[in-house]
N, C-alpha and C. Protein backbone atom coordinates (compact mmCIF):
# COMPACT_ATOMS: atom_id res chain seq x y z
N MET A 1 -47.19 -12.69 -18.60
CA MET A 1 -46.76 -13.08 -19.92
C MET A 1 -46.67 -14.61 -19.94
N THR A 2 -47.22 -15.21 -20.96
CA THR A 2 -47.18 -16.66 -21.04
C THR A 2 -45.79 -17.16 -21.40
N ARG A 3 -45.58 -18.43 -21.13
CA ARG A 3 -44.28 -19.04 -21.41
C ARG A 3 -43.94 -18.96 -22.90
N LEU A 4 -44.91 -19.18 -23.75
CA LEU A 4 -44.69 -19.11 -25.21
C LEU A 4 -44.32 -17.69 -25.64
N ALA A 5 -44.97 -16.70 -25.08
CA ALA A 5 -44.66 -15.31 -25.41
C ALA A 5 -43.25 -14.94 -24.96
N ARG A 6 -42.85 -15.40 -23.77
CA ARG A 6 -41.49 -15.14 -23.29
C ARG A 6 -40.46 -15.78 -24.20
N PHE A 7 -40.72 -17.02 -24.60
CA PHE A 7 -39.80 -17.72 -25.49
C PHE A 7 -39.68 -16.98 -26.82
N GLY A 8 -40.80 -16.55 -27.37
CA GLY A 8 -40.80 -15.82 -28.64
C GLY A 8 -40.03 -14.51 -28.53
N ALA A 9 -40.22 -13.79 -27.43
CA ALA A 9 -39.50 -12.53 -27.22
C ALA A 9 -38.01 -12.78 -27.08
N ALA A 10 -37.61 -13.82 -26.35
CA ALA A 10 -36.19 -14.15 -26.19
C ALA A 10 -35.57 -14.54 -27.52
N ALA A 11 -36.29 -15.32 -28.32
CA ALA A 11 -35.77 -15.73 -29.63
C ALA A 11 -35.60 -14.53 -30.55
N LEU A 12 -36.55 -13.61 -30.54
CA LEU A 12 -36.46 -12.41 -31.37
C LEU A 12 -35.30 -11.53 -30.93
N LEU A 13 -35.11 -11.38 -29.63
CA LEU A 13 -34.00 -10.59 -29.11
C LEU A 13 -32.66 -11.22 -29.51
N SER A 14 -32.53 -12.53 -29.39
CA SER A 14 -31.30 -13.22 -29.77
C SER A 14 -30.99 -13.01 -31.24
N LEU A 15 -31.99 -13.14 -32.10
CA LEU A 15 -31.80 -12.95 -33.53
C LEU A 15 -31.39 -11.52 -33.83
N THR A 16 -32.00 -10.55 -33.15
CA THR A 16 -31.66 -9.14 -33.33
C THR A 16 -30.22 -8.88 -32.92
N LEU A 17 -29.79 -9.42 -31.79
CA LEU A 17 -28.41 -9.23 -31.33
C LEU A 17 -27.41 -9.83 -32.30
N LEU A 18 -27.70 -11.03 -32.81
CA LEU A 18 -26.80 -11.67 -33.76
C LEU A 18 -26.69 -10.87 -35.05
N THR A 19 -27.81 -10.35 -35.54
CA THR A 19 -27.81 -9.58 -36.76
C THR A 19 -27.06 -8.27 -36.57
N ALA A 20 -27.19 -7.66 -35.42
CA ALA A 20 -26.56 -6.38 -35.16
C ALA A 20 -25.05 -6.50 -35.01
N CYS A 21 -24.54 -7.68 -34.61
CA CYS A 21 -23.12 -7.79 -34.33
C CYS A 21 -22.30 -8.15 -35.55
N SER A 22 -22.92 -8.54 -36.62
CA SER A 22 -22.13 -8.94 -37.78
C SER A 22 -22.90 -8.74 -39.08
N GLN A 23 -22.14 -8.53 -40.12
CA GLN A 23 -22.74 -8.40 -41.44
C GLN A 23 -21.73 -8.86 -42.46
N SER A 24 -22.09 -9.90 -43.20
CA SER A 24 -21.20 -10.37 -44.25
C SER A 24 -21.09 -9.30 -45.31
N GLY A 25 -19.94 -9.18 -45.87
CA GLY A 25 -19.71 -8.22 -46.94
C GLY A 25 -19.31 -8.96 -48.20
N GLU A 26 -18.79 -8.23 -49.14
CA GLU A 26 -18.34 -8.82 -50.39
C GLU A 26 -17.18 -9.77 -50.13
N GLY A 27 -17.29 -11.00 -50.59
CA GLY A 27 -16.22 -11.97 -50.45
C GLY A 27 -16.02 -12.48 -49.04
N SER A 28 -17.08 -12.43 -48.21
CA SER A 28 -16.93 -12.89 -46.83
C SER A 28 -18.20 -13.56 -46.33
N ASP A 29 -18.02 -14.35 -45.28
CA ASP A 29 -19.14 -14.98 -44.58
C ASP A 29 -18.87 -14.83 -43.09
N VAL A 30 -19.87 -14.37 -42.34
CA VAL A 30 -19.70 -14.14 -40.90
C VAL A 30 -20.77 -14.92 -40.14
N SER A 31 -20.33 -15.58 -39.08
CA SER A 31 -21.24 -16.32 -38.22
C SER A 31 -20.89 -16.00 -36.77
N CYS A 32 -21.87 -15.48 -36.00
CA CYS A 32 -21.61 -15.09 -34.62
C CYS A 32 -22.51 -15.86 -33.66
N GLY A 33 -21.98 -16.08 -32.46
CA GLY A 33 -22.75 -16.71 -31.39
C GLY A 33 -23.18 -15.67 -30.39
N LEU A 34 -24.01 -16.08 -29.44
CA LEU A 34 -24.48 -15.17 -28.41
C LEU A 34 -23.35 -14.72 -27.48
N ASP A 35 -22.22 -15.45 -27.49
CA ASP A 35 -21.08 -15.12 -26.64
C ASP A 35 -20.21 -14.02 -27.25
N GLN A 36 -20.67 -13.39 -28.34
CA GLN A 36 -19.97 -12.33 -29.05
C GLN A 36 -18.62 -12.81 -29.58
N GLN A 37 -18.64 -14.04 -30.07
CA GLN A 37 -17.48 -14.61 -30.74
C GLN A 37 -17.93 -14.96 -32.15
N CYS A 38 -17.19 -14.47 -33.14
CA CYS A 38 -17.59 -14.63 -34.53
C CYS A 38 -16.53 -15.38 -35.32
N THR A 39 -16.98 -16.17 -36.27
CA THR A 39 -16.09 -16.81 -37.23
C THR A 39 -16.28 -16.06 -38.54
N VAL A 40 -15.17 -15.62 -39.13
CA VAL A 40 -15.20 -14.88 -40.37
C VAL A 40 -14.39 -15.66 -41.40
N THR A 41 -15.00 -15.90 -42.55
CA THR A 41 -14.30 -16.56 -43.65
C THR A 41 -14.24 -15.59 -44.81
N PHE A 42 -13.00 -15.24 -45.21
CA PHE A 42 -12.78 -14.36 -46.35
C PHE A 42 -12.39 -15.19 -47.56
N ASP A 43 -12.92 -14.82 -48.73
CA ASP A 43 -12.47 -15.41 -49.98
C ASP A 43 -11.18 -14.72 -50.39
N ARG A 44 -10.20 -15.49 -50.84
CA ARG A 44 -8.95 -14.91 -51.33
C ARG A 44 -9.14 -14.47 -52.78
N GLY A 45 -8.38 -13.48 -53.19
CA GLY A 45 -8.40 -13.03 -54.58
C GLY A 45 -9.47 -12.00 -54.89
N VAL A 46 -10.21 -11.55 -53.86
CA VAL A 46 -11.22 -10.50 -54.04
C VAL A 46 -11.00 -9.45 -52.95
N ASP A 47 -11.68 -8.33 -53.08
CA ASP A 47 -11.63 -7.27 -52.07
C ASP A 47 -12.58 -7.66 -50.94
N ALA A 48 -12.14 -8.60 -50.07
CA ALA A 48 -13.01 -9.17 -49.05
C ALA A 48 -13.05 -8.29 -47.80
N LYS A 49 -14.27 -8.05 -47.32
CA LYS A 49 -14.45 -7.27 -46.09
C LYS A 49 -15.78 -7.65 -45.45
N ALA A 50 -15.88 -7.35 -44.15
CA ALA A 50 -17.10 -7.64 -43.40
C ALA A 50 -17.16 -6.73 -42.20
N GLU A 51 -18.36 -6.51 -41.69
CA GLU A 51 -18.53 -5.78 -40.43
C GLU A 51 -18.76 -6.81 -39.34
N VAL A 52 -17.89 -6.78 -38.31
CA VAL A 52 -17.95 -7.77 -37.25
C VAL A 52 -17.95 -7.04 -35.91
N LEU A 53 -18.97 -7.28 -35.10
CA LEU A 53 -19.09 -6.67 -33.79
C LEU A 53 -18.91 -5.16 -33.86
N GLY A 54 -19.48 -4.56 -34.90
CA GLY A 54 -19.45 -3.11 -35.08
C GLY A 54 -18.18 -2.55 -35.66
N VAL A 55 -17.25 -3.41 -36.09
CA VAL A 55 -15.96 -2.98 -36.62
C VAL A 55 -15.77 -3.58 -38.01
N GLU A 56 -15.24 -2.78 -38.94
CA GLU A 56 -14.98 -3.30 -40.28
C GLU A 56 -13.66 -4.07 -40.29
N ALA A 57 -13.69 -5.26 -40.86
CA ALA A 57 -12.50 -6.09 -41.02
C ALA A 57 -12.29 -6.33 -42.51
N LYS A 58 -11.05 -6.17 -42.99
CA LYS A 58 -10.71 -6.36 -44.40
C LYS A 58 -9.51 -7.28 -44.53
N LEU A 59 -9.55 -8.12 -45.54
CA LEU A 59 -8.39 -8.94 -45.87
C LEU A 59 -7.51 -8.11 -46.79
N VAL A 60 -6.28 -7.82 -46.35
CA VAL A 60 -5.35 -7.02 -47.14
C VAL A 60 -4.53 -7.93 -48.05
N SER A 61 -3.93 -8.98 -47.47
CA SER A 61 -3.13 -9.93 -48.27
C SER A 61 -3.00 -11.24 -47.51
N ALA A 62 -2.70 -12.30 -48.25
CA ALA A 62 -2.47 -13.62 -47.67
C ALA A 62 -1.37 -14.30 -48.47
N GLN A 63 -0.40 -14.83 -47.75
CA GLN A 63 0.70 -15.55 -48.41
C GLN A 63 1.12 -16.69 -47.48
N ASP A 64 1.06 -17.89 -48.00
CA ASP A 64 1.37 -19.10 -47.23
C ASP A 64 0.50 -19.11 -45.97
N ASP A 65 1.10 -19.14 -44.78
CA ASP A 65 0.31 -19.17 -43.54
C ASP A 65 0.30 -17.81 -42.84
N ARG A 66 0.60 -16.74 -43.58
CA ARG A 66 0.63 -15.36 -43.06
C ARG A 66 -0.44 -14.52 -43.74
N VAL A 67 -1.14 -13.74 -42.92
CA VAL A 67 -2.23 -12.92 -43.43
C VAL A 67 -2.10 -11.51 -42.85
N THR A 68 -2.32 -10.50 -43.68
CA THR A 68 -2.38 -9.12 -43.22
C THR A 68 -3.84 -8.68 -43.30
N LEU A 69 -4.31 -8.10 -42.20
CA LEU A 69 -5.70 -7.65 -42.08
C LEU A 69 -5.73 -6.19 -41.68
N ASN A 70 -6.85 -5.54 -41.97
CA ASN A 70 -7.13 -4.22 -41.45
C ASN A 70 -8.41 -4.36 -40.63
N VAL A 71 -8.30 -4.15 -39.33
CA VAL A 71 -9.44 -4.29 -38.43
C VAL A 71 -9.65 -2.96 -37.72
N GLY A 72 -10.76 -2.32 -37.99
CA GLY A 72 -11.06 -1.04 -37.37
C GLY A 72 -10.03 0.02 -37.65
N GLY A 73 -9.42 -0.04 -38.84
CA GLY A 73 -8.41 0.95 -39.23
C GLY A 73 -7.00 0.61 -38.78
N GLU A 74 -6.84 -0.49 -38.03
CA GLU A 74 -5.51 -0.92 -37.59
C GLU A 74 -5.06 -2.12 -38.43
N GLU A 75 -3.84 -2.07 -38.93
CA GLU A 75 -3.33 -3.17 -39.74
C GLU A 75 -2.54 -4.12 -38.85
N LEU A 76 -2.75 -5.41 -39.05
CA LEU A 76 -1.99 -6.41 -38.32
C LEU A 76 -1.69 -7.59 -39.21
N THR A 77 -0.57 -8.25 -38.94
CA THR A 77 -0.16 -9.43 -39.67
C THR A 77 -0.09 -10.59 -38.69
N LEU A 78 -0.75 -11.70 -39.03
CA LEU A 78 -0.81 -12.87 -38.17
C LEU A 78 -0.39 -14.11 -38.94
N THR A 79 0.15 -15.10 -38.21
CA THR A 79 0.36 -16.43 -38.78
C THR A 79 -0.71 -17.34 -38.19
N VAL A 80 -0.92 -18.49 -38.81
CA VAL A 80 -1.97 -19.40 -38.37
C VAL A 80 -1.76 -19.76 -36.90
N GLY A 81 -2.83 -19.62 -36.11
CA GLY A 81 -2.81 -19.92 -34.69
C GLY A 81 -2.48 -18.72 -33.81
N GLU A 82 -2.00 -17.64 -34.40
CA GLU A 82 -1.62 -16.45 -33.65
C GLU A 82 -2.84 -15.57 -33.38
N THR A 83 -2.84 -14.91 -32.21
CA THR A 83 -3.92 -13.99 -31.84
C THR A 83 -3.36 -12.58 -31.72
N GLY A 84 -4.01 -11.63 -32.38
CA GLY A 84 -3.70 -10.22 -32.21
C GLY A 84 -4.62 -9.68 -31.13
N THR A 85 -4.08 -9.29 -30.00
CA THR A 85 -4.92 -8.86 -28.89
C THR A 85 -5.20 -7.37 -28.95
N ASP A 86 -6.40 -7.02 -28.52
CA ASP A 86 -6.85 -5.64 -28.43
C ASP A 86 -6.64 -4.84 -29.70
N VAL A 87 -7.13 -5.37 -30.80
CA VAL A 87 -7.13 -4.67 -32.07
C VAL A 87 -8.52 -4.06 -32.22
N ALA A 88 -8.61 -2.74 -32.11
CA ALA A 88 -9.89 -2.04 -32.15
C ALA A 88 -10.84 -2.60 -31.09
N GLY A 89 -10.29 -3.02 -29.94
CA GLY A 89 -11.09 -3.56 -28.86
C GLY A 89 -11.49 -5.01 -29.04
N LEU A 90 -10.92 -5.70 -30.03
CA LEU A 90 -11.27 -7.08 -30.32
C LEU A 90 -10.04 -7.98 -30.30
N LYS A 91 -10.27 -9.28 -30.09
CA LYS A 91 -9.22 -10.28 -30.24
C LYS A 91 -9.43 -10.94 -31.59
N VAL A 92 -8.38 -11.01 -32.40
CA VAL A 92 -8.46 -11.60 -33.73
C VAL A 92 -7.49 -12.77 -33.78
N THR A 93 -7.98 -13.96 -34.09
CA THR A 93 -7.16 -15.16 -34.20
C THR A 93 -7.25 -15.70 -35.62
N LEU A 94 -6.11 -15.95 -36.23
CA LEU A 94 -6.07 -16.56 -37.56
C LEU A 94 -6.16 -18.06 -37.38
N GLU A 95 -7.26 -18.65 -37.82
CA GLU A 95 -7.48 -20.09 -37.63
C GLU A 95 -6.97 -20.93 -38.79
N GLY A 96 -6.98 -20.38 -40.00
CA GLY A 96 -6.52 -21.18 -41.12
C GLY A 96 -6.45 -20.41 -42.42
N VAL A 97 -5.60 -20.90 -43.32
CA VAL A 97 -5.44 -20.31 -44.64
C VAL A 97 -5.39 -21.44 -45.66
N THR A 98 -6.24 -21.35 -46.68
CA THR A 98 -6.19 -22.30 -47.79
C THR A 98 -5.94 -21.51 -49.07
N GLU A 99 -5.89 -22.19 -50.19
CA GLU A 99 -5.70 -21.51 -51.46
C GLU A 99 -6.86 -20.59 -51.82
N THR A 100 -8.05 -20.87 -51.25
CA THR A 100 -9.23 -20.09 -51.63
C THR A 100 -9.82 -19.25 -50.51
N GLN A 101 -9.47 -19.56 -49.22
CA GLN A 101 -10.11 -18.86 -48.11
C GLN A 101 -9.16 -18.59 -46.96
N VAL A 102 -9.55 -17.60 -46.15
CA VAL A 102 -8.87 -17.26 -44.89
C VAL A 102 -9.94 -17.30 -43.80
N LYS A 103 -9.67 -18.02 -42.71
CA LYS A 103 -10.66 -18.17 -41.64
C LYS A 103 -10.12 -17.56 -40.35
N LEU A 104 -10.93 -16.65 -39.75
CA LEU A 104 -10.58 -15.94 -38.53
C LEU A 104 -11.61 -16.19 -37.45
N LYS A 105 -11.20 -16.00 -36.20
CA LYS A 105 -12.13 -15.94 -35.09
C LYS A 105 -11.94 -14.56 -34.49
N ILE A 106 -13.02 -13.81 -34.34
CA ILE A 106 -12.98 -12.46 -33.78
C ILE A 106 -13.94 -12.41 -32.60
N SER A 107 -13.44 -11.89 -31.46
CA SER A 107 -14.28 -11.83 -30.26
C SER A 107 -13.98 -10.58 -29.46
N ARG A 108 -14.89 -10.26 -28.56
CA ARG A 108 -14.70 -9.12 -27.65
C ARG A 108 -13.80 -9.53 -26.51
């Protein structure tokens, strides 16, 4: 196999893995790296949800620096900077809350 063909196959595999691990939903944006760590941004004021690393994540409510989420059917409440460990097999960290958005980091 030529070097160019190997590079093309590796790039296609990487793109496939990234696409398979996340899917933006209504009111959300998801960005994942090859390290299986994703950044999820939810819009506030809408029914925001996304599929991340094979698990559905939903924004339930946000008030000040506190957010309630439903991740894989488990509800958790976090404050900015706090990490919920082993929620549906994932680590969920609340990175920030603004008037319009909630930003999370979700990883395996």
